[in-house]
PDB file of all heavy atoms in Angstrom:
ATOM      1  N   GLU A   1       8.358 142.509  50.197  1.00  0.00           N
ATOM      2  CA  GLU A   1       9.560 142.674  50.922  1.00  0.00           C
ATOM      3  C   GLU A   1      10.742 142.329  50.004  1.00  0.00           C
ATOM      4  O   GLU A   1      10.638 141.427  49.119  1.00  0.00           O
ATOM      5  CB  GLU A   1       9.602 141.755  52.121  1.00  0.00           C
ATOM      6  CG  GLU A   1       8.662 142.185  53.262  1.00  0.00           C
ATOM      7  CD  GLU A   1       8.771 141.304  54.537  1.00  0.00           C
ATOM      8  OE1 GLU A   1       8.869 140.062  54.317  1.00  0.00           O
ATOM      9  OE2 GLU A   1       8.707 141.898  55.618  1.00  0.00           O
ATOM     10  N   LYS A   2      11.832 143.045  50.157  1.00  0.00           N
ATOM     11  CA  LYS A   2      13.025 142.811  49.373  1.00  0.00           C
ATOM     12  C   LYS A   2      13.838 141.642  50.001  1.00  0.00           C
ATOM     13  O   LYS A   2      14.242 141.761  51.160  1.00  0.00           O
ATOM     14  CB  LYS A   2      13.895 144.086  49.324  1.00  0.00           C
ATOM     15  CG  LYS A   2      15.074 143.960  48.358  1.00  0.00           C
ATOM     16  CD  LYS A   2      15.858 145.326  48.271  1.00  0.00           C
ATOM     17  CE  LYS A   2      16.992 145.199  47.359  1.00  0.00           C
ATOM     18  NZ  LYS A   2      17.764 146.506  47.254  1.00  0.00           N
ATOM     19  N   VAL A   3      14.060 140.607  49.201  1.00  0.00           N
ATOM     20  CA  VAL A   3      14.597 139.354  49.743  1.00  0.00           C
ATOM     21  C   VAL A   3      15.908 139.020  49.019  1.00  0.00           C
ATOM     22  O   VAL A   3      16.020 139.190  47.782  1.00  0.00           O
ATOM     23  CB  VAL A   3      13.621 138.165  49.635  1.00  0.00           C
ATOM     24  CG1 VAL A   3      14.242 136.848  50.038  1.00  0.00           C
ATOM     25  CG2 VAL A   3      12.415 138.448  50.527  1.00  0.00           C
ATOM     26  N   SER A   4      16.946 138.560  49.820  1.00  0.00           N
ATOM     27  CA  SER A   4      18.103 137.974  49.192  1.00  0.00           C
ATOM     28  C   SER A   4      18.265 136.583  49.724  1.00  0.00           C
ATOM     29  O   SER A   4      18.075 136.329  50.848  1.00  0.00           O
ATOM     30  CB  SER A   4      19.309 138.860  49.383  1.00  0.00           C
ATOM     31  OG  SER A   4      19.633 138.941  50.729  1.00  0.00           O
ATOM     32  N   LYS A   5      18.822 135.648  48.805  1.00  0.00           N
ATOM     33  CA  LYS A   5      19.023 134.271  49.272  1.00  0.00           C
ATOM     34  C   LYS A   5      20.569 133.938  49.314  1.00  0.00           C
ATOM     35  O   LYS A   5      21.345 134.479  48.474  1.00  0.00           O
ATOM     36  CB  LYS A   5      18.348 133.329  48.220  1.00  0.00           C
ATOM     37  CG  LYS A   5      16.893 133.397  48.128  1.00  0.00           C
ATOM     38  CD  LYS A   5      16.234 132.576  49.202  1.00  0.00           C
ATOM     39  CE  LYS A   5      14.702 132.483  48.941  1.00  0.00           C
ATOM     40  NZ  LYS A   5      14.067 131.561  50.004  1.00  0.00           N
ATOM     41  N   SER A   6      20.888 133.204  50.273  1.00  0.00           N
ATOM     42  CA  SER A   6      22.246 132.736  50.392  1.00  0.00           C
ATOM     43  C   SER A   6      22.150 131.316  50.955  1.00  0.00           C
ATOM     44  O   SER A   6      21.964 131.045  52.191  1.00  0.00           O
ATOM     45  CB  SER A   6      23.068 133.612  51.314  1.00  0.00           C
ATOM     46  OG  SER A   6      24.416 133.057  51.417  1.00  0.00           O
ATOM     47  N   GLY A   7      22.346 130.296  50.069  1.00  0.00           N
ATOM     48  CA  GLY A   7      22.153 128.881  50.503  1.00  0.00           C
ATOM     49  C   GLY A   7      20.689 128.688  50.934  1.00  0.00           C
ATOM     50  O   GLY A   7      19.732 129.044  50.224  1.00  0.00           O
ATOM     51  N   ASP A   8      20.463 128.158  52.155  1.00  0.00           N
ATOM     52  CA  ASP A   8      19.148 128.009  52.653  1.00  0.00           C
ATOM     53  C   ASP A   8      18.600 129.205  53.355  1.00  0.00           C
ATOM     54  O   ASP A   8      17.406 129.289  53.754  1.00  0.00           O
ATOM     55  CB  ASP A   8      19.135 126.814  53.685  1.00  0.00           C
ATOM     56  CG  ASP A   8      19.439 125.524  52.927  1.00  0.00           C
ATOM     57  OD1 ASP A   8      19.127 125.387  51.779  1.00  0.00           O
ATOM     58  OD2 ASP A   8      20.043 124.574  53.613  1.00  0.00           O
ATOM     59  N   ASN A   9      19.403 130.215  53.540  1.00  0.00           N
ATOM     60  CA  ASN A   9      18.987 131.460  54.288  1.00  0.00           C
ATOM     61  C   ASN A   9      18.229 132.392  53.420  1.00  0.00           C
ATOM     62  O   ASN A   9      18.628 132.670  52.233  1.00  0.00           O
ATOM     63  CB  ASN A   9      20.207 132.155  54.880  1.00  0.00           C
ATOM     64  CG  ASN A   9      20.953 131.248  55.875  1.00  0.00           C
ATOM     65  OD1 ASN A   9      21.684 130.369  55.504  1.00  0.00           O
ATOM     66  ND2 ASN A   9      20.750 131.492  57.163  1.00  0.00           N
ATOM     67  N   THR A  10      17.186 132.980  53.946  1.00  0.00           N
ATOM     68  CA  THR A  10      16.437 134.053  53.332  1.00  0.00           C
ATOM     69  C   THR A  10      16.545 135.308  54.123  1.00  0.00           C
ATOM     70  O   THR A  10      16.006 135.415  55.258  1.00  0.00           O
ATOM     71  CB  THR A  10      14.942 133.665  53.216  1.00  0.00           C
ATOM     72  OG1 THR A  10      14.839 132.432  52.488  1.00  0.00           O
ATOM     73  CG2 THR A  10      14.149 134.776  52.472  1.00  0.00           C
ATOM     74  N   TYR A  11      17.273 136.299  53.693  1.00  0.00           N
ATOM     75  CA  TYR A  11      17.431 137.569  54.331  1.00  0.00           C
ATOM     76  C   TYR A  11      16.429 138.637  53.763  1.00  0.00           C
ATOM     77  O   TYR A  11      16.429 138.828  52.568  1.00  0.00           O
ATOM     78  CB  TYR A  11      18.911 138.070  54.124  1.00  0.00           C
ATOM     79  CG  TYR A  11      19.849 137.067  54.623  1.00  0.00           C
ATOM     80  CD1 TYR A  11      20.622 136.236  53.786  1.00  0.00           C
ATOM     81  CD2 TYR A  11      20.142 136.981  56.003  1.00  0.00           C
ATOM     82  CE1 TYR A  11      21.552 135.366  54.284  1.00  0.00           C
ATOM     83  CE2 TYR A  11      21.100 136.099  56.526  1.00  0.00           C
ATOM     84  CZ  TYR A  11      21.793 135.266  55.628  1.00  0.00           C
ATOM     85  OH  TYR A  11      22.722 134.356  56.157  1.00  0.00           O
ATOM     86  N   ILE A  12      15.721 139.230  54.686  1.00  0.00           N
ATOM     87  CA  ILE A  12      14.715 140.192  54.308  1.00  0.00           C
ATOM     88  C   ILE A  12      15.186 141.586  54.656  1.00  0.00           C
ATOM     89  O   ILE A  12      15.522 141.840  55.836  1.00  0.00           O
ATOM     90  CB  ILE A  12      13.415 139.894  55.057  1.00  0.00           C
ATOM     91  CG1 ILE A  12      12.926 138.477  54.745  1.00  0.00           C
ATOM     92  CG2 ILE A  12      12.326 140.868  54.654  1.00  0.00           C
ATOM     93  CD1 ILE A  12      11.804 137.993  55.702  1.00  0.00           C
ATOM     94  N   ARG A  13      15.273 142.414  53.716  1.00  0.00           N
ATOM     95  CA  ARG A  13      15.818 143.816  53.887  1.00  0.00           C
ATOM     96  C   ARG A  13      14.721 144.726  54.487  1.00  0.00           C
ATOM     97  O   ARG A  13      13.566 144.684  54.097  1.00  0.00           O
ATOM     98  CB  ARG A  13      16.262 144.369  52.565  1.00  0.00           C
ATOM     99  CG  ARG A  13      16.815 145.749  52.559  1.00  0.00           C
ATOM    100  CD  ARG A  13      18.146 145.802  53.233  1.00  0.00           C
ATOM    101  NE  ARG A  13      18.870 147.043  53.008  1.00  0.00           N
ATOM    102  CZ  ARG A  13      18.627 148.182  53.621  1.00  0.00           C
ATOM    103  NH1 ARG A  13      17.683 148.249  54.577  1.00  0.00           N
ATOM    104  NH2 ARG A  13      19.309 149.292  53.397  1.00  0.00           N
ATOM    105  N   VAL A  14      15.157 145.469  55.564  1.00  0.00           N
ATOM    106  CA  VAL A  14      14.199 146.475  56.077  1.00  0.00           C
ATOM    107  C   VAL A  14      13.993 147.485  54.970  1.00  0.00           C
ATOM    108  O   VAL A  14      14.770 147.585  54.061  1.00  0.00           O
ATOM    109  CB  VAL A  14      14.694 147.054  57.395  1.00  0.00           C
ATOM    110  CG1 VAL A  14      14.760 146.136  58.524  1.00  0.00           C
ATOM    111  CG2 VAL A  14      16.050 147.784  57.210  1.00  0.00           C
ATOM    112  N   MET A  15      12.945 148.310  55.157  1.00  0.00           N
ATOM    113  CA  MET A  15      12.631 149.307  54.176  1.00  0.00           C
ATOM    114  C   MET A  15      13.850 150.121  53.766  1.00  0.00           C
ATOM    115  O   MET A  15      14.733 150.431  54.519  1.00  0.00           O
ATOM    116  CB  MET A  15      11.553 150.185  54.676  1.00  0.00           C
ATOM    117  CG  MET A  15      11.123 151.320  53.722  1.00  0.00           C
ATOM    118  SD  MET A  15       9.556 152.073  54.215  1.00  0.00           S
ATOM    119  CE  MET A  15       8.388 150.777  53.835  1.00  0.00           C
ATOM    120  N   GLU A  16      13.903 150.328  52.398  1.00  0.00           N
ATOM    121  CA  GLU A  16      15.075 151.013  51.783  1.00  0.00           C
ATOM    122  C   GLU A  16      15.287 152.417  52.479  1.00  0.00           C
ATOM    123  O   GLU A  16      14.405 153.249  52.761  1.00  0.00           O
ATOM    124  CB  GLU A  16      14.749 151.300  50.281  1.00  0.00           C
ATOM    125  CG  GLU A  16      15.966 151.749  49.507  1.00  0.00           C
ATOM    126  CD  GLU A  16      16.995 150.582  49.304  1.00  0.00           C
ATOM    127  OE1 GLU A  16      16.559 149.432  49.300  1.00  0.00           O
ATOM    128  OE2 GLU A  16      18.215 150.893  49.305  1.00  0.00           O
ATOM    129  N   GLY A  17      16.563 152.630  52.824  1.00  0.00           N
ATOM    130  CA  GLY A  17      16.952 153.920  53.487  1.00  0.00           C
ATOM    131  C   GLY A  17      16.873 153.866  54.997  1.00  0.00           C
ATOM    132  O   GLY A  17      17.201 154.845  55.611  1.00  0.00           O
ATOM    133  N   VAL A  18      16.527 152.722  55.567  1.00  0.00           N
ATOM    134  CA  VAL A  18      16.396 152.632  56.995  1.00  0.00           C
ATOM    135  C   VAL A  18      17.467 151.685  57.545  1.00  0.00           C
ATOM    136  O   VAL A  18      17.813 150.662  56.918  1.00  0.00           O
ATOM    137  CB  VAL A  18      14.967 152.048  57.425  1.00  0.00           C
ATOM    138  CG1 VAL A  18      14.958 151.839  58.962  1.00  0.00           C
ATOM    139  CG2 VAL A  18      13.897 152.967  56.976  1.00  0.00           C
ATOM    140  N   LYS A  19      18.112 152.092  58.576  1.00  0.00           N
ATOM    141  CA  LYS A  19      19.201 151.344  59.235  1.00  0.00           C
ATOM    142  C   LYS A  19      18.789 150.732  60.561  1.00  0.00           C
ATOM    143  O   LYS A  19      18.012 151.402  61.317  1.00  0.00           O
ATOM    144  CB  LYS A  19      20.463 152.191  59.508  1.00  0.00           C
ATOM    145  CG  LYS A  19      21.057 152.754  58.174  1.00  0.00           C
ATOM    146  CD  LYS A  19      22.229 153.705  58.546  1.00  0.00           C
ATOM    147  CE  LYS A  19      22.833 154.305  57.290  1.00  0.00           C
ATOM    148  NZ  LYS A  19      23.994 155.195  57.630  1.00  0.00           N
ATOM    149  N   ILE A  20      19.172 149.477  60.803  1.00  0.00           N
ATOM    150  CA  ILE A  20      19.010 148.871  62.155  1.00  0.00           C
ATOM    151  C   ILE A  20      20.254 149.235  62.877  1.00  0.00           C
ATOM    152  O   ILE A  20      21.373 148.803  62.593  1.00  0.00           O
ATOM    153  CB  ILE A  20      18.910 147.329  62.053  1.00  0.00           C
ATOM    154  CG1 ILE A  20      17.625 146.979  61.229  1.00  0.00           C
ATOM    155  CG2 ILE A  20      18.709 146.760  63.448  1.00  0.00           C
ATOM    156  CD1 ILE A  20      17.500 145.481  60.995  1.00  0.00           C
ATOM    157  N   THR A  21      20.151 150.070  63.892  1.00  0.00           N
ATOM    158  CA  THR A  21      21.292 150.704  64.595  1.00  0.00           C
ATOM    159  C   THR A  21      21.799 149.884  65.792  1.00  0.00           C
ATOM    160  O   THR A  21      22.920 150.115  66.289  1.00  0.00           O
ATOM    161  CB  THR A  21      21.061 152.121  64.931  1.00  0.00           C
ATOM    162  OG1 THR A  21      19.870 152.190  65.788  1.00  0.00           O
ATOM    163  CG2 THR A  21      20.854 152.957  63.758  1.00  0.00           C
ATOM    164  N   GLY A  22      20.958 148.936  66.260  1.00  0.00           N
ATOM    165  CA  GLY A  22      21.433 148.122  67.417  1.00  0.00           C
ATOM    166  C   GLY A  22      20.245 147.799  68.343  1.00  0.00           C
ATOM    167  O   GLY A  22      19.099 147.960  68.020  1.00  0.00           O
ATOM    168  N   CYS A  23      20.649 147.369  69.579  1.00  0.00           N
ATOM    169  CA  CYS A  23      19.707 146.939  70.623  1.00  0.00           C
ATOM    170  C   CYS A  23      20.161 147.542  71.937  1.00  0.00           C
ATOM    171  O   CYS A  23      21.340 147.479  72.279  1.00  0.00           O
ATOM    172  CB  CYS A  23      19.593 145.415  70.634  1.00  0.00           C
ATOM    173  SG  CYS A  23      18.529 144.760  71.931  1.00  0.00           S
ATOM    174  N   ASN A  24      19.283 148.105  72.680  1.00  0.00           N
ATOM    175  CA  ASN A  24      19.599 148.652  74.017  1.00  0.00           C
ATOM    176  C   ASN A  24      20.133 147.562  74.989  1.00  0.00           C
ATOM    177  O   ASN A  24      21.022 147.833  75.796  1.00  0.00           O
ATOM    178  CB  ASN A  24      18.392 149.292  74.633  1.00  0.00           C
ATOM    179  CG  ASN A  24      17.918 150.521  73.859  1.00  0.00           C
ATOM    180  OD1 ASN A  24      18.611 151.042  73.023  1.00  0.00           O
ATOM    181  ND2 ASN A  24      16.746 151.021  74.173  1.00  0.00           N
ATOM    182  N   GLU A  25      19.564 146.374  74.887  1.00  0.00           N
ATOM    183  CA  GLU A  25      19.917 145.301  75.909  1.00  0.00           C
ATOM    184  C   GLU A  25      21.006 144.372  75.435  1.00  0.00           C
ATOM    185  O   GLU A  25      21.602 143.673  76.247  1.00  0.00           O
ATOM    186  CB  GLU A  25      18.612 144.559  76.236  1.00  0.00           C
ATOM    187  CG  GLU A  25      17.448 145.340  76.731  1.00  0.00           C
ATOM    188  CD  GLU A  25      16.660 146.053  75.664  1.00  0.00           C
ATOM    189  OE1 GLU A  25      16.884 145.709  74.473  1.00  0.00           O
ATOM    190  OE2 GLU A  25      15.817 146.849  76.021  1.00  0.00           O
ATOM    191  N   ILE A  26      21.214 144.300  74.171  1.00  0.00           N
ATOM    192  CA  ILE A  26      22.148 143.261  73.576  1.00  0.00           C
ATOM    193  C   ILE A  26      23.202 143.928  72.744  1.00  0.00           C
ATOM    194  O   ILE A  26      22.898 144.558  71.742  1.00  0.00           O
ATOM    195  CB  ILE A  26      21.351 142.222  72.773  1.00  0.00           C
ATOM    196  CG1 ILE A  26      20.284 141.574  73.592  1.00  0.00           C
ATOM    197  CG2 ILE A  26      22.305 141.168  72.197  1.00  0.00           C
ATOM    198  CD1 ILE A  26      19.342 140.718  72.823  1.00  0.00           C
ATOM    199  N   PRO A  27      24.487 143.814  73.101  1.00  0.00           N
ATOM    200  CA  PRO A  27      25.585 144.343  72.317  1.00  0.00           C
ATOM    201  C   PRO A  27      25.852 143.556  71.047  1.00  0.00           C
ATOM    202  O   PRO A  27      25.353 142.400  70.932  1.00  0.00           O
ATOM    203  CB  PRO A  27      26.776 144.316  73.237  1.00  0.00           C
ATOM    204  CG  PRO A  27      26.492 143.154  74.114  1.00  0.00           C
ATOM    205  CD  PRO A  27      25.011 143.038  74.363  1.00  0.00           C
ATOM    206  N   GLY A  28      26.545 144.127  70.099  1.00  0.00           N
ATOM    207  CA  GLY A  28      26.939 143.357  68.896  1.00  0.00           C
ATOM    208  C   GLY A  28      26.051 143.688  67.704  1.00  0.00           C
ATOM    209  O   GLY A  28      25.051 144.416  67.826  1.00  0.00           O
ATOM    210  N   ASP A  29      26.434 143.050  66.592  1.00  0.00           N
ATOM    211  CA  ASP A  29      25.697 143.370  65.329  1.00  0.00           C
ATOM    212  C   ASP A  29      24.639 142.307  64.985  1.00  0.00           C
ATOM    213  O   ASP A  29      24.130 142.346  63.836  1.00  0.00           O
ATOM    214  CB  ASP A  29      26.770 143.536  64.232  1.00  0.00           C
ATOM    215  CG  ASP A  29      27.564 142.321  63.998  1.00  0.00           C
ATOM    216  OD1 ASP A  29      27.437 141.296  64.695  1.00  0.00           O
ATOM    217  OD2 ASP A  29      28.468 142.358  63.070  1.00  0.00           O
ATOM    218  N   VAL A  30      24.424 141.346  65.881  1.00  0.00           N
ATOM    219  CA  VAL A  30      23.463 140.302  65.616  1.00  0.00           C
ATOM    220  C   VAL A  30      22.552 140.293  66.858  1.00  0.00           C
ATOM    221  O   VAL A  30      22.979 140.151  68.005  1.00  0.00           O
ATOM    222  CB  VAL A  30      23.986 138.869  65.378  1.00  0.00           C
ATOM    223  CG1 VAL A  30      22.944 137.861  65.191  1.00  0.00           C
ATOM    224  CG2 VAL A  30      24.946 138.959  64.183  1.00  0.00           C
ATOM    225  N   ILE A  31      21.217 140.340  66.593  1.00  0.00           N
ATOM    226  CA  ILE A  31      20.241 140.342  67.722  1.00  0.00           C
ATOM    227  C   ILE A  31      19.218 139.163  67.457  1.00  0.00           C
ATOM    228  O   ILE A  31      18.509 139.200  66.461  1.00  0.00           O
ATOM    229  CB  ILE A  31      19.467 141.697  67.748  1.00  0.00           C
ATOM    230  CG1 ILE A  31      20.417 142.868  67.892  1.00  0.00           C
ATOM    231  CG2 ILE A  31      18.507 141.706  68.911  1.00  0.00           C
ATOM    232  CD1 ILE A  31      19.892 144.167  67.305  1.00  0.00           C
TER     233      ILE A  31
END
């Protein structure tokens, strides 16, 4: 998995070229 670090946070990138477009039940850019 492609990982980036920021402080104590570890962010894992979804597969290259794929976008997370949202959630049916929850609005906003954080789910």
